Amino acid sequence: VLSDNIFESKWCLLELRTAVQFGLKLVPLRFEGSTWGPNKNNFPALDADYIPDQVTVDGVVTFKVRPVLKDLFNVKAVEHSREYDEGFISKLVSQLPPLPSFSPPT
């Protein structure tokens, strides 16, 4: 979920990095009303000053942020609306890969 302060949380950024490391398909969800930067952009810009260069935990640089976000920022975000859940769910489902087939054991 891309909230106004996601880039201020090293834990949110670590979660994104972990998902990317495991090859999960990420669908950015833009929380309704969220904006970034002094121009109040509707989607964060990868080269913006409000995105940290790196994440540091206990004084150790764990990873560079922008390479992790690069692929995520190439995917069209789905806007989350508190007022219109049905539209949000339809848009989200359209971004997800098909479910694998499943056959119960016989």
N, C-alpha and C. Protein backbone atom coordinates (compact mmCIF):
# COMPACT_ATOMS: atom_id res chain seq x y z
N VAL A 1 0.85 -1.17 0.00
CA VAL A 1 0.00 0.00 0.00
C VAL A 1 0.90 1.23 0.00
N LEU A 2 0.70 2.07 -0.99
CA LEU A 2 1.49 3.29 -1.08
C LEU A 2 0.77 4.40 -0.32
N SER A 3 1.14 4.55 0.93
CA SER A 3 0.58 5.61 1.76
C SER A 3 1.53 6.80 1.70
N ASP A 4 1.10 7.91 2.26
CA ASP A 4 1.93 9.13 2.25
C ASP A 4 3.31 8.92 2.85
N ASN A 5 3.40 8.09 3.86
CA ASN A 5 4.68 7.96 4.59
C ASN A 5 5.37 6.62 4.41
N ILE A 6 5.06 5.87 3.39
CA ILE A 6 5.68 4.56 3.19
C ILE A 6 7.21 4.66 3.09
N PHE A 7 7.70 5.71 2.50
CA PHE A 7 9.14 5.83 2.29
C PHE A 7 9.88 6.27 3.54
N GLU A 8 9.14 6.62 4.58
CA GLU A 8 9.74 6.98 5.86
C GLU A 8 9.89 5.77 6.77
N SER A 9 9.33 4.64 6.37
CA SER A 9 9.35 3.44 7.19
C SER A 9 10.34 2.41 6.62
N LYS A 10 11.43 2.18 7.34
CA LYS A 10 12.39 1.18 6.87
C LYS A 10 11.74 -0.20 6.85
N TRP A 11 10.76 -0.44 7.73
CA TRP A 11 10.12 -1.75 7.78
C TRP A 11 9.25 -1.98 6.54
N CYS A 12 8.55 -0.95 6.09
CA CYS A 12 7.76 -1.09 4.85
C CYS A 12 8.69 -1.35 3.67
N LEU A 13 9.81 -0.63 3.62
CA LEU A 13 10.76 -0.82 2.53
C LEU A 13 11.40 -2.20 2.59
N LEU A 14 11.66 -2.70 3.79
CA LEU A 14 12.20 -4.06 3.93
C LEU A 14 11.18 -5.10 3.46
N GLU A 15 9.90 -4.88 3.72
CA GLU A 15 8.87 -5.80 3.23
C GLU A 15 8.85 -5.82 1.71
N LEU A 16 8.95 -4.65 1.08
CA LEU A 16 8.98 -4.58 -0.38
C LEU A 16 10.19 -5.33 -0.93
N ARG A 17 11.34 -5.09 -0.31
CA ARG A 17 12.56 -5.76 -0.77
C ARG A 17 12.43 -7.28 -0.65
N THR A 18 11.86 -7.76 0.44
CA THR A 18 11.69 -9.20 0.64
C THR A 18 10.77 -9.79 -0.43
N ALA A 19 9.68 -9.09 -0.74
CA ALA A 19 8.76 -9.57 -1.78
C ALA A 19 9.46 -9.65 -3.13
N VAL A 20 10.27 -8.64 -3.44
CA VAL A 20 11.01 -8.63 -4.71
C VAL A 20 12.02 -9.77 -4.73
N GLN A 21 12.72 -10.00 -3.62
CA GLN A 21 13.71 -11.08 -3.55
C GLN A 21 13.07 -12.44 -3.81
N PHE A 22 11.83 -12.63 -3.36
CA PHE A 22 11.15 -13.91 -3.53
C PHE A 22 10.38 -13.99 -4.84
N GLY A 23 10.52 -12.96 -5.69
CA GLY A 23 9.91 -12.99 -7.00
C GLY A 23 8.39 -12.83 -7.01
N LEU A 24 7.84 -12.24 -5.97
CA LEU A 24 6.40 -12.04 -5.92
C LEU A 24 5.99 -10.91 -6.86
N LYS A 25 4.86 -11.08 -7.52
CA LYS A 25 4.33 -10.00 -8.35
C LYS A 25 3.69 -8.97 -7.42
N LEU A 26 4.16 -7.75 -7.53
CA LEU A 26 3.64 -6.69 -6.68
C LEU A 26 2.69 -5.80 -7.47
N VAL A 27 1.59 -5.47 -6.85
CA VAL A 27 0.63 -4.54 -7.43
C VAL A 27 0.57 -3.34 -6.48
N PRO A 28 1.05 -2.18 -6.93
CA PRO A 28 1.01 -1.03 -6.04
C PRO A 28 -0.43 -0.58 -5.80
N LEU A 29 -0.78 -0.42 -4.54
CA LEU A 29 -2.09 0.08 -4.16
C LEU A 29 -1.90 1.49 -3.62
N ARG A 30 -2.46 2.44 -4.31
CA ARG A 30 -2.35 3.84 -3.87
C ARG A 30 -3.51 4.14 -2.94
N PHE A 31 -3.19 4.40 -1.70
CA PHE A 31 -4.22 4.71 -0.71
C PHE A 31 -4.88 6.03 -1.09
N GLU A 32 -6.19 6.04 -1.13
CA GLU A 32 -6.97 7.20 -1.55
C GLU A 32 -6.48 8.47 -0.84
N GLY A 33 -6.19 9.48 -1.64
CA GLY A 33 -5.76 10.77 -1.11
C GLY A 33 -4.27 10.89 -0.88
N SER A 34 -3.52 9.82 -1.04
CA SER A 34 -2.08 9.89 -0.82
C SER A 34 -1.41 10.70 -1.92
N THR A 35 -0.47 11.53 -1.52
CA THR A 35 0.32 12.31 -2.47
C THR A 35 1.76 12.33 -1.98
N TRP A 36 2.67 12.66 -2.89
CA TRP A 36 4.08 12.68 -2.54
C TRP A 36 4.74 13.94 -3.05
N GLY A 37 5.65 14.43 -2.25
CA GLY A 37 6.48 15.57 -2.63
C GLY A 37 5.76 16.90 -2.55
N PRO A 38 6.51 17.97 -2.76
CA PRO A 38 5.95 19.32 -2.66
C PRO A 38 4.88 19.61 -3.71
N ASN A 39 4.91 18.89 -4.83
CA ASN A 39 3.91 19.10 -5.88
C ASN A 39 2.67 18.23 -5.68
N LYS A 40 2.64 17.45 -4.60
CA LYS A 40 1.50 16.58 -4.29
C LYS A 40 1.21 15.62 -5.44
N ASN A 41 2.26 14.94 -5.95
CA ASN A 41 2.11 13.98 -7.05
C ASN A 41 1.21 12.83 -6.64
N ASN A 42 0.44 12.32 -7.59
CA ASN A 42 -0.46 11.20 -7.33
C ASN A 42 0.25 9.85 -7.31
N PHE A 43 1.49 9.82 -7.78
CA PHE A 43 2.29 8.60 -7.72
C PHE A 43 3.72 9.00 -7.44
N PRO A 44 4.41 8.26 -6.60
CA PRO A 44 5.78 8.64 -6.26
C PRO A 44 6.72 8.57 -7.47
N ALA A 45 7.69 9.44 -7.48
CA ALA A 45 8.69 9.46 -8.55
C ALA A 45 9.96 8.79 -8.04
N LEU A 46 10.49 7.88 -8.81
CA LEU A 46 11.65 7.08 -8.39
C LEU A 46 12.88 7.93 -8.07
N ASP A 47 13.02 9.06 -8.74
CA ASP A 47 14.20 9.90 -8.51
C ASP A 47 13.96 11.03 -7.51
N ALA A 48 12.84 10.99 -6.80
CA ALA A 48 12.48 12.07 -5.89
C ALA A 48 13.30 12.04 -4.60
N ASP A 49 13.45 13.21 -4.00
CA ASP A 49 14.22 13.36 -2.77
C ASP A 49 13.58 12.65 -1.57
N TYR A 50 12.27 12.45 -1.60
CA TYR A 50 11.60 11.83 -0.45
C TYR A 50 11.79 10.31 -0.40
N ILE A 51 12.40 9.72 -1.43
CA ILE A 51 12.72 8.29 -1.40
C ILE A 51 14.17 8.16 -0.94
N PRO A 52 14.39 7.43 0.15
CA PRO A 52 15.77 7.31 0.64
C PRO A 52 16.64 6.51 -0.33
N ASP A 53 17.93 6.80 -0.30
CA ASP A 53 18.86 6.06 -1.16
C ASP A 53 19.05 4.63 -0.68
N GLN A 54 19.04 4.45 0.64
CA GLN A 54 19.32 3.14 1.19
C GLN A 54 18.56 2.95 2.50
N VAL A 55 18.45 1.70 2.92
CA VAL A 55 17.86 1.37 4.22
C VAL A 55 18.96 0.88 5.12
N THR A 56 19.00 1.43 6.31
CA THR A 56 20.02 1.07 7.30
C THR A 56 19.33 0.51 8.53
N VAL A 57 19.78 -0.65 8.99
CA VAL A 57 19.26 -1.26 10.21
C VAL A 57 20.45 -1.50 11.14
N ASP A 58 20.35 -0.98 12.36
CA ASP A 58 21.42 -1.12 13.35
C ASP A 58 22.77 -0.65 12.81
N GLY A 59 22.74 0.44 12.06
CA GLY A 59 23.97 1.02 11.53
C GLY A 59 24.55 0.33 10.32
N VAL A 60 23.87 -0.70 9.82
CA VAL A 60 24.36 -1.44 8.65
C VAL A 60 23.43 -1.19 7.47
N VAL A 61 24.02 -0.81 6.33
CA VAL A 61 23.22 -0.61 5.11
C VAL A 61 22.78 -1.98 4.64
N THR A 62 21.45 -2.17 4.56
CA THR A 62 20.94 -3.48 4.16
C THR A 62 20.67 -3.57 2.67
N PHE A 63 20.24 -2.46 2.05
CA PHE A 63 20.03 -2.48 0.61
C PHE A 63 19.81 -1.07 0.08
N LYS A 64 20.02 -0.94 -1.23
CA LYS A 64 19.73 0.30 -1.96
C LYS A 64 18.26 0.27 -2.35
N VAL A 65 17.54 1.34 -2.13
CA VAL A 65 16.08 1.36 -2.29
C VAL A 65 15.63 1.43 -3.74
N ARG A 66 16.18 2.33 -4.53
CA ARG A 66 15.66 2.57 -5.88
C ARG A 66 15.67 1.34 -6.79
N PRO A 67 16.71 0.49 -6.78
CA PRO A 67 16.64 -0.72 -7.62
C PRO A 67 15.48 -1.64 -7.22
N VAL A 68 15.15 -1.68 -5.95
CA VAL A 68 14.03 -2.51 -5.49
C VAL A 68 12.70 -1.95 -6.01
N LEU A 69 12.57 -0.64 -6.01
CA LEU A 69 11.31 0.00 -6.41
C LEU A 69 11.13 0.11 -7.91
N LYS A 70 12.21 -0.04 -8.66
CA LYS A 70 12.17 0.20 -10.11
C LYS A 70 11.04 -0.57 -10.81
N ASP A 71 10.95 -1.87 -10.61
CA ASP A 71 9.91 -2.67 -11.27
C ASP A 71 8.53 -2.33 -10.74
N LEU A 72 8.42 -2.07 -9.45
CA LEU A 72 7.13 -1.71 -8.86
C LEU A 72 6.58 -0.44 -9.49
N PHE A 73 7.46 0.49 -9.78
CA PHE A 73 7.01 1.77 -10.33
C PHE A 73 6.64 1.68 -11.81
N ASN A 74 6.91 0.54 -12.44
CA ASN A 74 6.52 0.33 -13.84
C ASN A 74 5.15 -0.32 -13.95
N VAL A 75 4.50 -0.61 -12.83
CA VAL A 75 3.19 -1.24 -12.81
C VAL A 75 2.14 -0.18 -12.49
N LYS A 76 1.03 -0.22 -13.21
CA LYS A 76 -0.04 0.75 -12.94
C LYS A 76 -0.63 0.49 -11.56
N ALA A 77 -0.69 1.53 -10.77
CA ALA A 77 -1.22 1.41 -9.41
C ALA A 77 -2.74 1.30 -9.43
N VAL A 78 -3.27 0.60 -8.44
CA VAL A 78 -4.71 0.51 -8.23
C VAL A 78 -5.03 1.43 -7.06
N GLU A 79 -5.99 2.31 -7.26
CA GLU A 79 -6.37 3.24 -6.19
C GLU A 79 -7.33 2.56 -5.23
N HIS A 80 -7.00 2.64 -3.95
CA HIS A 80 -7.89 2.10 -2.92
C HIS A 80 -8.82 3.21 -2.46
N SER A 81 -10.11 2.93 -2.53
CA SER A 81 -11.12 3.89 -2.09
C SER A 81 -11.90 3.30 -0.94
N ARG A 82 -12.06 4.07 0.11
CA ARG A 82 -12.86 3.61 1.24
C ARG A 82 -14.35 3.62 0.92
N GLU A 83 -14.72 4.36 -0.09
CA GLU A 83 -16.13 4.52 -0.42
C GLU A 83 -16.63 3.53 -1.47
N TYR A 84 -15.74 2.97 -2.27
CA TYR A 84 -16.17 2.18 -3.41
C TYR A 84 -15.34 0.90 -3.49
N ASP A 85 -15.63 -0.04 -2.61
CA ASP A 85 -14.84 -1.28 -2.53
C ASP A 85 -14.98 -2.16 -3.76
N GLU A 86 -16.16 -2.24 -4.35
CA GLU A 86 -16.37 -3.14 -5.49
C GLU A 86 -15.46 -2.77 -6.66
N GLY A 87 -15.37 -1.49 -6.98
CA GLY A 87 -14.48 -1.05 -8.06
C GLY A 87 -13.03 -1.32 -7.76
N PHE A 88 -12.63 -1.09 -6.53
CA PHE A 88 -11.25 -1.37 -6.11
C PHE A 88 -10.93 -2.85 -6.27
N ILE A 89 -11.81 -3.70 -5.80
CA ILE A 89 -11.58 -5.15 -5.86
C ILE A 89 -11.49 -5.61 -7.31
N SER A 90 -12.35 -5.11 -8.18
CA SER A 90 -12.31 -5.50 -9.60
C SER A 90 -10.98 -5.11 -10.23
N LYS A 91 -10.52 -3.89 -9.96
CA LYS A 91 -9.24 -3.44 -10.52
C LYS A 91 -8.08 -4.26 -9.97
N LEU A 92 -8.12 -4.56 -8.68
CA LEU A 92 -7.05 -5.34 -8.07
C LEU A 92 -6.99 -6.75 -8.66
N VAL A 93 -8.12 -7.40 -8.76
CA VAL A 93 -8.16 -8.76 -9.30
C VAL A 93 -7.66 -8.79 -10.75
N SER A 94 -7.95 -7.75 -11.52
CA SER A 94 -7.50 -7.73 -12.91
C SER A 94 -5.98 -7.64 -13.02
N GLN A 95 -5.31 -7.18 -11.98
CA GLN A 95 -3.85 -7.06 -11.98
C GLN A 95 -3.14 -8.33 -11.51
N LEU A 96 -3.88 -9.25 -10.90
CA LEU A 96 -3.27 -10.45 -10.34
C LEU A 96 -3.12 -11.54 -11.39
N PRO A 97 -2.08 -12.37 -11.27
CA PRO A 97 -1.93 -13.49 -12.20
C PRO A 97 -3.01 -14.53 -11.93
N PRO A 98 -3.31 -15.38 -12.91
CA PRO A 98 -4.32 -16.42 -12.68
C PRO A 98 -3.86 -17.39 -11.58
N LEU A 99 -4.83 -17.92 -10.87
CA LEU A 99 -4.50 -18.90 -9.84
C LEU A 99 -4.07 -20.22 -10.48
N PRO A 100 -3.13 -20.91 -9.89
CA PRO A 100 -2.73 -22.21 -10.43
C PRO A 100 -3.88 -23.20 -10.25
N SER A 101 -3.95 -24.17 -11.15
CA SER A 101 -5.00 -25.17 -11.02
C SER A 101 -4.71 -26.06 -9.83
N PHE A 102 -5.77 -26.55 -9.24
CA PHE A 102 -5.62 -27.36 -8.05
C PHE A 102 -6.53 -28.57 -8.16
N SER A 103 -5.95 -29.71 -7.94
CA SER A 103 -6.73 -30.95 -7.94
C SER A 103 -6.56 -31.60 -6.57
N PRO A 104 -7.68 -31.83 -5.87
CA PRO A 104 -7.55 -32.47 -4.57
C PRO A 104 -7.01 -33.88 -4.72
N PRO A 105 -6.28 -34.35 -3.74
CA PRO A 105 -5.74 -35.73 -3.81
C PRO A 105 -6.89 -36.74 -3.81
N THR A 106 -6.68 -37.83 -4.52
CA THR A 106 -7.71 -38.87 -4.60
C THR A 106 -7.36 -40.06 -3.73
